[in-house]
């Protein structure tokens, strides 16, 4: 479990540091068309939308990592939340935040 905990903390640190380096996705896009042309403004709006979506994905990943760390602490890490059978260690190695075994995950999708 210690290796998984280290892996989760490394993932969390990487996500948090990538969030610190980006521009503010909620910043208002400049409306002055004399400074920014129409196409440039559209590009800026698109970049803003992509940054917001990226921020939302990052926040969701951080929530999943925090949930996995809580499961490690309470002893339920590695057990499927649906059928309560052990999750394959190779699945957890590929995705340390996995909550479901492969069979339950397949049935949900």
N, C-alpha and C. Protein backbone atom coordinates (compact mmCIF):
# COMPACT_ATOMS: atom_id res chain seq x y z
N UNK A 1 0.81 -1.20 0.00
CA UNK A 1 0.00 0.00 0.00
C UNK A 1 0.85 1.27 0.00
N UNK A 2 2.02 1.19 0.61
CA UNK A 2 2.87 2.38 0.65
C UNK A 2 3.28 2.82 -0.75
N UNK A 3 3.54 1.86 -1.63
CA UNK A 3 3.93 2.23 -2.99
C UNK A 3 2.77 2.89 -3.73
N UNK A 4 1.54 2.41 -3.50
CA UNK A 4 0.37 3.03 -4.13
C UNK A 4 0.16 4.43 -3.56
N UNK A 5 0.35 4.58 -2.27
CA UNK A 5 0.18 5.89 -1.65
C UNK A 5 1.19 6.88 -2.22
N UNK A 6 2.44 6.42 -2.39
CA UNK A 6 3.46 7.30 -2.98
C UNK A 6 3.09 7.66 -4.42
N UNK A 7 2.59 6.67 -5.16
CA UNK A 7 2.19 6.91 -6.56
C UNK A 7 1.05 7.93 -6.63
N UNK A 8 0.06 7.79 -5.73
CA UNK A 8 -1.06 8.73 -5.70
C UNK A 8 -0.61 10.14 -5.32
N UNK A 9 0.28 10.24 -4.33
CA UNK A 9 0.80 11.56 -3.95
C UNK A 9 1.60 12.19 -5.09
N UNK A 10 2.36 11.37 -5.83
CA UNK A 10 3.11 11.89 -6.97
C UNK A 10 2.16 12.41 -8.05
N UNK A 11 1.09 11.66 -8.31
CA UNK A 11 0.08 12.11 -9.29
C UNK A 11 -0.55 13.42 -8.84
N UNK A 12 -0.86 13.50 -7.55
CA UNK A 12 -1.49 14.70 -7.00
C UNK A 12 -0.57 15.91 -7.11
N UNK A 13 0.70 15.72 -6.77
CA UNK A 13 1.67 16.83 -6.86
C UNK A 13 1.83 17.30 -8.30
N UNK A 14 1.85 16.35 -9.24
CA UNK A 14 1.99 16.71 -10.65
C UNK A 14 0.78 17.53 -11.13
N UNK A 15 -0.41 17.10 -10.75
CA UNK A 15 -1.62 17.83 -11.15
C UNK A 15 -1.66 19.22 -10.52
N UNK A 16 -1.30 19.31 -9.25
CA UNK A 16 -1.31 20.61 -8.59
C UNK A 16 -0.26 21.55 -9.15
N UNK A 17 0.90 21.03 -9.51
CA UNK A 17 1.93 21.90 -10.07
C UNK A 17 1.58 22.35 -11.48
N UNK A 18 0.89 21.50 -12.24
CA UNK A 18 0.47 21.90 -13.59
C UNK A 18 -0.62 22.96 -13.52
N UNK A 19 -1.41 22.94 -12.46
CA UNK A 19 -2.45 23.96 -12.29
C UNK A 19 -1.84 25.31 -11.97
N UNK A 20 -0.71 25.32 -11.28
CA UNK A 20 -0.06 26.57 -10.90
C UNK A 20 0.59 27.27 -12.08
N UNK A 21 0.95 26.54 -13.13
CA UNK A 21 1.67 27.13 -14.24
C UNK A 21 0.77 27.72 -15.32
N UNK A 22 -0.51 27.37 -15.32
CA UNK A 22 -1.42 27.83 -16.37
C UNK A 22 -1.98 29.22 -16.12
N UNK A 23 -2.51 29.82 -17.18
CA UNK A 23 -3.21 31.10 -17.05
C UNK A 23 -4.54 30.85 -16.36
N UNK A 24 -5.13 31.91 -15.86
CA UNK A 24 -6.41 31.80 -15.18
C UNK A 24 -7.50 31.54 -16.22
N UNK A 25 -8.12 30.36 -16.21
CA UNK A 25 -9.13 30.04 -17.21
C UNK A 25 -10.42 30.84 -17.02
N UNK A 26 -10.59 31.48 -15.88
CA UNK A 26 -11.80 32.25 -15.64
C UNK A 26 -11.62 33.71 -15.97
N UNK A 27 -10.43 34.08 -16.41
CA UNK A 27 -10.16 35.48 -16.75
C UNK A 27 -11.05 35.91 -17.92
N UNK A 28 -11.47 37.15 -17.89
CA UNK A 28 -12.33 37.69 -18.93
C UNK A 28 -11.53 37.89 -20.21
N UNK A 29 -12.11 37.48 -21.32
CA UNK A 29 -11.46 37.66 -22.61
C UNK A 29 -11.65 39.12 -23.04
N UNK A 30 -10.58 39.74 -23.48
CA UNK A 30 -10.59 41.15 -23.87
C UNK A 30 -11.60 41.40 -24.99
N UNK A 31 -12.45 42.42 -24.81
CA UNK A 31 -13.50 42.72 -25.78
C UNK A 31 -13.10 43.80 -26.78
N UNK A 32 -12.04 44.53 -26.53
CA UNK A 32 -11.63 45.64 -27.38
C UNK A 32 -11.14 45.10 -28.72
N UNK A 33 -11.98 45.25 -29.77
CA UNK A 33 -11.63 44.68 -31.07
C UNK A 33 -10.52 45.45 -31.78
N UNK A 34 -10.20 46.66 -31.28
CA UNK A 34 -9.07 47.36 -31.87
C UNK A 34 -7.76 46.73 -31.43
N UNK A 35 -7.78 46.05 -30.28
CA UNK A 35 -6.58 45.37 -29.79
C UNK A 35 -6.54 43.92 -30.27
N UNK A 36 -7.69 43.30 -30.30
CA UNK A 36 -7.78 41.89 -30.67
C UNK A 36 -8.77 41.76 -31.81
N UNK A 37 -8.33 41.20 -32.91
CA UNK A 37 -9.22 41.01 -34.05
C UNK A 37 -10.29 39.99 -33.75
N UNK A 38 -11.26 39.92 -34.62
CA UNK A 38 -12.40 39.03 -34.42
C UNK A 38 -11.97 37.57 -34.34
N UNK A 39 -11.10 37.14 -35.25
CA UNK A 39 -10.63 35.75 -35.23
C UNK A 39 -9.75 35.50 -34.02
N UNK A 40 -8.94 36.48 -33.66
CA UNK A 40 -8.10 36.32 -32.47
C UNK A 40 -8.97 36.21 -31.23
N UNK A 41 -10.06 36.98 -31.19
CA UNK A 41 -10.97 36.90 -30.05
C UNK A 41 -11.62 35.52 -30.00
N UNK A 42 -12.01 34.99 -31.14
CA UNK A 42 -12.59 33.65 -31.18
C UNK A 42 -11.58 32.61 -30.71
N UNK A 43 -10.32 32.77 -31.13
CA UNK A 43 -9.27 31.88 -30.67
C UNK A 43 -9.10 31.98 -29.15
N UNK A 44 -9.16 33.21 -28.63
CA UNK A 44 -9.02 33.42 -27.19
C UNK A 44 -10.17 32.78 -26.43
N UNK A 45 -11.39 32.91 -26.96
CA UNK A 45 -12.55 32.29 -26.32
C UNK A 45 -12.44 30.76 -26.34
N UNK A 46 -11.96 30.23 -27.45
CA UNK A 46 -11.79 28.78 -27.56
C UNK A 46 -10.71 28.31 -26.58
N UNK A 47 -9.61 29.05 -26.50
CA UNK A 47 -8.55 28.70 -25.57
C UNK A 47 -9.05 28.77 -24.12
N UNK A 48 -9.89 29.77 -23.84
CA UNK A 48 -10.45 29.90 -22.50
C UNK A 48 -11.34 28.70 -22.18
N UNK A 49 -12.17 28.28 -23.11
CA UNK A 49 -13.06 27.13 -22.91
C UNK A 49 -12.24 25.85 -22.70
N UNK A 50 -11.17 25.71 -23.47
CA UNK A 50 -10.32 24.53 -23.32
C UNK A 50 -9.62 24.55 -21.96
N UNK A 51 -9.17 25.71 -21.52
CA UNK A 51 -8.52 25.82 -20.21
C UNK A 51 -9.49 25.52 -19.09
N UNK A 52 -10.74 25.96 -19.24
CA UNK A 52 -11.75 25.66 -18.22
C UNK A 52 -12.03 24.16 -18.16
N UNK A 53 -12.15 23.53 -19.31
CA UNK A 53 -12.40 22.08 -19.36
C UNK A 53 -11.22 21.32 -18.76
N UNK A 54 -10.02 21.78 -19.06
CA UNK A 54 -8.83 21.15 -18.50
C UNK A 54 -8.80 21.30 -16.99
N UNK A 55 -9.17 22.46 -16.50
CA UNK A 55 -9.23 22.69 -15.06
C UNK A 55 -10.26 21.81 -14.39
N UNK A 56 -11.39 21.61 -15.05
CA UNK A 56 -12.44 20.74 -14.50
C UNK A 56 -11.98 19.28 -14.45
N UNK A 57 -11.28 18.84 -15.52
CA UNK A 57 -10.75 17.47 -15.53
C UNK A 57 -9.70 17.30 -14.42
N UNK A 58 -8.84 18.31 -14.27
CA UNK A 58 -7.81 18.25 -13.23
C UNK A 58 -8.45 18.18 -11.84
N UNK A 59 -9.50 18.97 -11.60
CA UNK A 59 -10.19 18.96 -10.31
C UNK A 59 -10.84 17.60 -10.06
N UNK A 60 -11.43 17.01 -11.09
CA UNK A 60 -12.04 15.69 -10.95
C UNK A 60 -10.98 14.63 -10.63
N UNK A 61 -9.83 14.72 -11.30
CA UNK A 61 -8.75 13.77 -11.03
C UNK A 61 -8.24 13.93 -9.60
N UNK A 62 -8.13 15.16 -9.14
CA UNK A 62 -7.68 15.39 -7.76
C UNK A 62 -8.68 14.82 -6.76
N UNK A 63 -9.97 14.95 -7.04
CA UNK A 63 -10.99 14.37 -6.15
C UNK A 63 -10.86 12.84 -6.12
N UNK A 64 -10.62 12.23 -7.29
CA UNK A 64 -10.46 10.77 -7.36
C UNK A 64 -9.22 10.32 -6.58
N UNK A 65 -8.13 11.08 -6.68
CA UNK A 65 -6.90 10.75 -5.95
C UNK A 65 -7.14 10.86 -4.45
N UNK A 66 -7.80 11.94 -4.03
CA UNK A 66 -8.10 12.11 -2.60
C UNK A 66 -8.99 10.98 -2.09
N UNK A 67 -9.96 10.56 -2.89
CA UNK A 67 -10.84 9.46 -2.50
C UNK A 67 -10.05 8.16 -2.37
N UNK A 68 -9.11 7.92 -3.29
CA UNK A 68 -8.28 6.71 -3.21
C UNK A 68 -7.40 6.74 -1.96
N UNK A 69 -6.86 7.91 -1.62
CA UNK A 69 -6.05 8.04 -0.41
C UNK A 69 -6.88 7.78 0.84
N UNK A 70 -8.13 8.24 0.83
CA UNK A 70 -9.02 7.96 1.97
C UNK A 70 -9.31 6.46 2.07
N UNK A 71 -9.49 5.79 0.92
CA UNK A 71 -9.75 4.35 0.93
C UNK A 71 -8.54 3.58 1.47
N UNK A 72 -7.33 4.07 1.15
CA UNK A 72 -6.13 3.44 1.70
C UNK A 72 -6.14 3.58 3.22
N UNK A 73 -6.45 4.77 3.70
CA UNK A 73 -6.46 5.02 5.14
C UNK A 73 -7.53 4.21 5.88
N UNK A 74 -8.70 4.02 5.25
CA UNK A 74 -9.75 3.28 5.95
C UNK A 74 -9.73 1.77 5.67
N UNK A 75 -8.77 1.33 4.84
CA UNK A 75 -8.60 -0.10 4.60
C UNK A 75 -9.45 -0.69 3.50
N UNK A 76 -10.21 0.13 2.78
CA UNK A 76 -11.07 -0.40 1.73
C UNK A 76 -10.43 -0.29 0.34
N UNK A 77 -9.21 0.22 0.26
CA UNK A 77 -8.55 0.38 -1.05
C UNK A 77 -8.29 -1.01 -1.65
N UNK A 78 -8.58 -1.12 -2.92
CA UNK A 78 -8.34 -2.37 -3.64
C UNK A 78 -9.55 -3.27 -3.68
N UNK A 79 -10.63 -2.88 -3.00
CA UNK A 79 -11.87 -3.65 -3.05
C UNK A 79 -12.86 -2.92 -3.95
N UNK A 80 -13.54 -3.67 -4.79
CA UNK A 80 -14.54 -3.10 -5.69
C UNK A 80 -15.68 -2.50 -4.87
N UNK A 81 -16.08 -1.30 -5.20
CA UNK A 81 -17.16 -0.65 -4.47
C UNK A 81 -18.53 -1.25 -4.80
N UNK A 82 -18.61 -2.02 -5.87
CA UNK A 82 -19.90 -2.61 -6.25
C UNK A 82 -20.04 -4.03 -5.73
N UNK A 83 -19.11 -4.91 -6.08
CA UNK A 83 -19.22 -6.32 -5.69
C UNK A 83 -18.36 -6.68 -4.48
N UNK A 84 -17.51 -5.78 -4.07
CA UNK A 84 -16.64 -5.92 -2.90
C UNK A 84 -15.55 -6.99 -3.07
N UNK A 85 -15.34 -7.49 -4.28
CA UNK A 85 -14.24 -8.42 -4.55
C UNK A 85 -12.97 -7.61 -4.76
N UNK A 86 -11.81 -8.22 -4.57
CA UNK A 86 -10.55 -7.50 -4.79
C UNK A 86 -10.38 -7.08 -6.25
N UNK A 87 -9.89 -5.87 -6.43
CA UNK A 87 -9.58 -5.37 -7.78
C UNK A 87 -8.21 -5.92 -8.16
N UNK A 88 -8.07 -6.36 -9.39
CA UNK A 88 -6.81 -6.91 -9.89
C UNK A 88 -5.69 -5.89 -9.65
N UNK A 89 -4.58 -6.30 -9.04
CA UNK A 89 -3.46 -5.37 -8.79
C UNK A 89 -2.92 -4.71 -10.06
N UNK A 90 -2.99 -5.42 -11.19
CA UNK A 90 -2.54 -4.81 -12.45
C UNK A 90 -3.45 -3.65 -12.85
N UNK A 91 -4.74 -3.78 -12.56
CA UNK A 91 -5.68 -2.68 -12.84
C UNK A 91 -5.35 -1.49 -11.95
N UNK A 92 -5.08 -1.75 -10.67
CA UNK A 92 -4.73 -0.67 -9.76
C UNK A 92 -3.40 -0.03 -10.12
N UNK A 93 -2.48 -0.84 -10.65
CA UNK A 93 -1.19 -0.28 -11.08
C UNK A 93 -1.39 0.64 -12.27
N UNK A 94 -2.29 0.26 -13.18
CA UNK A 94 -2.58 1.10 -14.35
C UNK A 94 -3.38 2.34 -13.98
N UNK A 95 -4.33 2.18 -13.04
CA UNK A 95 -5.15 3.30 -12.58
C UNK A 95 -5.33 3.19 -11.07
N UNK A 96 -4.44 3.84 -10.31
CA UNK A 96 -4.50 3.73 -8.85
C UNK A 96 -5.79 4.29 -8.23
N UNK A 97 -6.58 5.01 -9.01
CA UNK A 97 -7.83 5.56 -8.48
C UNK A 97 -9.04 4.68 -8.79
N UNK A 98 -8.81 3.51 -9.39
CA UNK A 98 -9.92 2.62 -9.77
C UNK A 98 -10.75 2.25 -8.56
N UNK A 99 -12.07 2.37 -8.71
CA UNK A 99 -13.02 2.04 -7.64
C UNK A 99 -13.72 0.71 -7.89
N UNK A 100 -13.71 0.28 -9.15
CA UNK A 100 -14.46 -0.92 -9.54
C UNK A 100 -13.53 -1.94 -10.17
N UNK A 101 -13.85 -3.22 -9.98
CA UNK A 101 -13.13 -4.27 -10.68
C UNK A 101 -13.49 -4.17 -12.17
N UNK A 102 -12.76 -4.87 -13.00
CA UNK A 102 -12.98 -4.75 -14.45
C UNK A 102 -14.36 -5.25 -14.85
N UNK A 103 -14.86 -6.29 -14.19
CA UNK A 103 -16.19 -6.80 -14.53
C UNK A 103 -17.29 -5.78 -14.22
N UNK A 104 -17.21 -5.18 -13.03
CA UNK A 104 -18.23 -4.18 -12.65
C UNK A 104 -18.09 -2.92 -13.49
N UNK A 105 -16.85 -2.53 -13.78
CA UNK A 105 -16.64 -1.33 -14.61
C UNK A 105 -17.20 -1.56 -16.01
N UNK A 106 -17.04 -2.77 -16.54
CA UNK A 106 -17.55 -3.08 -17.88
C UNK A 106 -19.08 -3.05 -17.90
N UNK A 107 -19.70 -3.53 -16.82
CA UNK A 107 -21.16 -3.56 -16.78
C UNK A 107 -21.74 -2.15 -16.61
N UNK A 108 -21.01 -1.26 -15.97
CA UNK A 108 -21.47 0.12 -15.79
C UNK A 108 -21.42 0.89 -17.10
N UNK A 109 -20.39 0.63 -17.89
CA UNK A 109 -20.24 1.33 -19.17
C UNK A 109 -21.18 0.75 -20.15
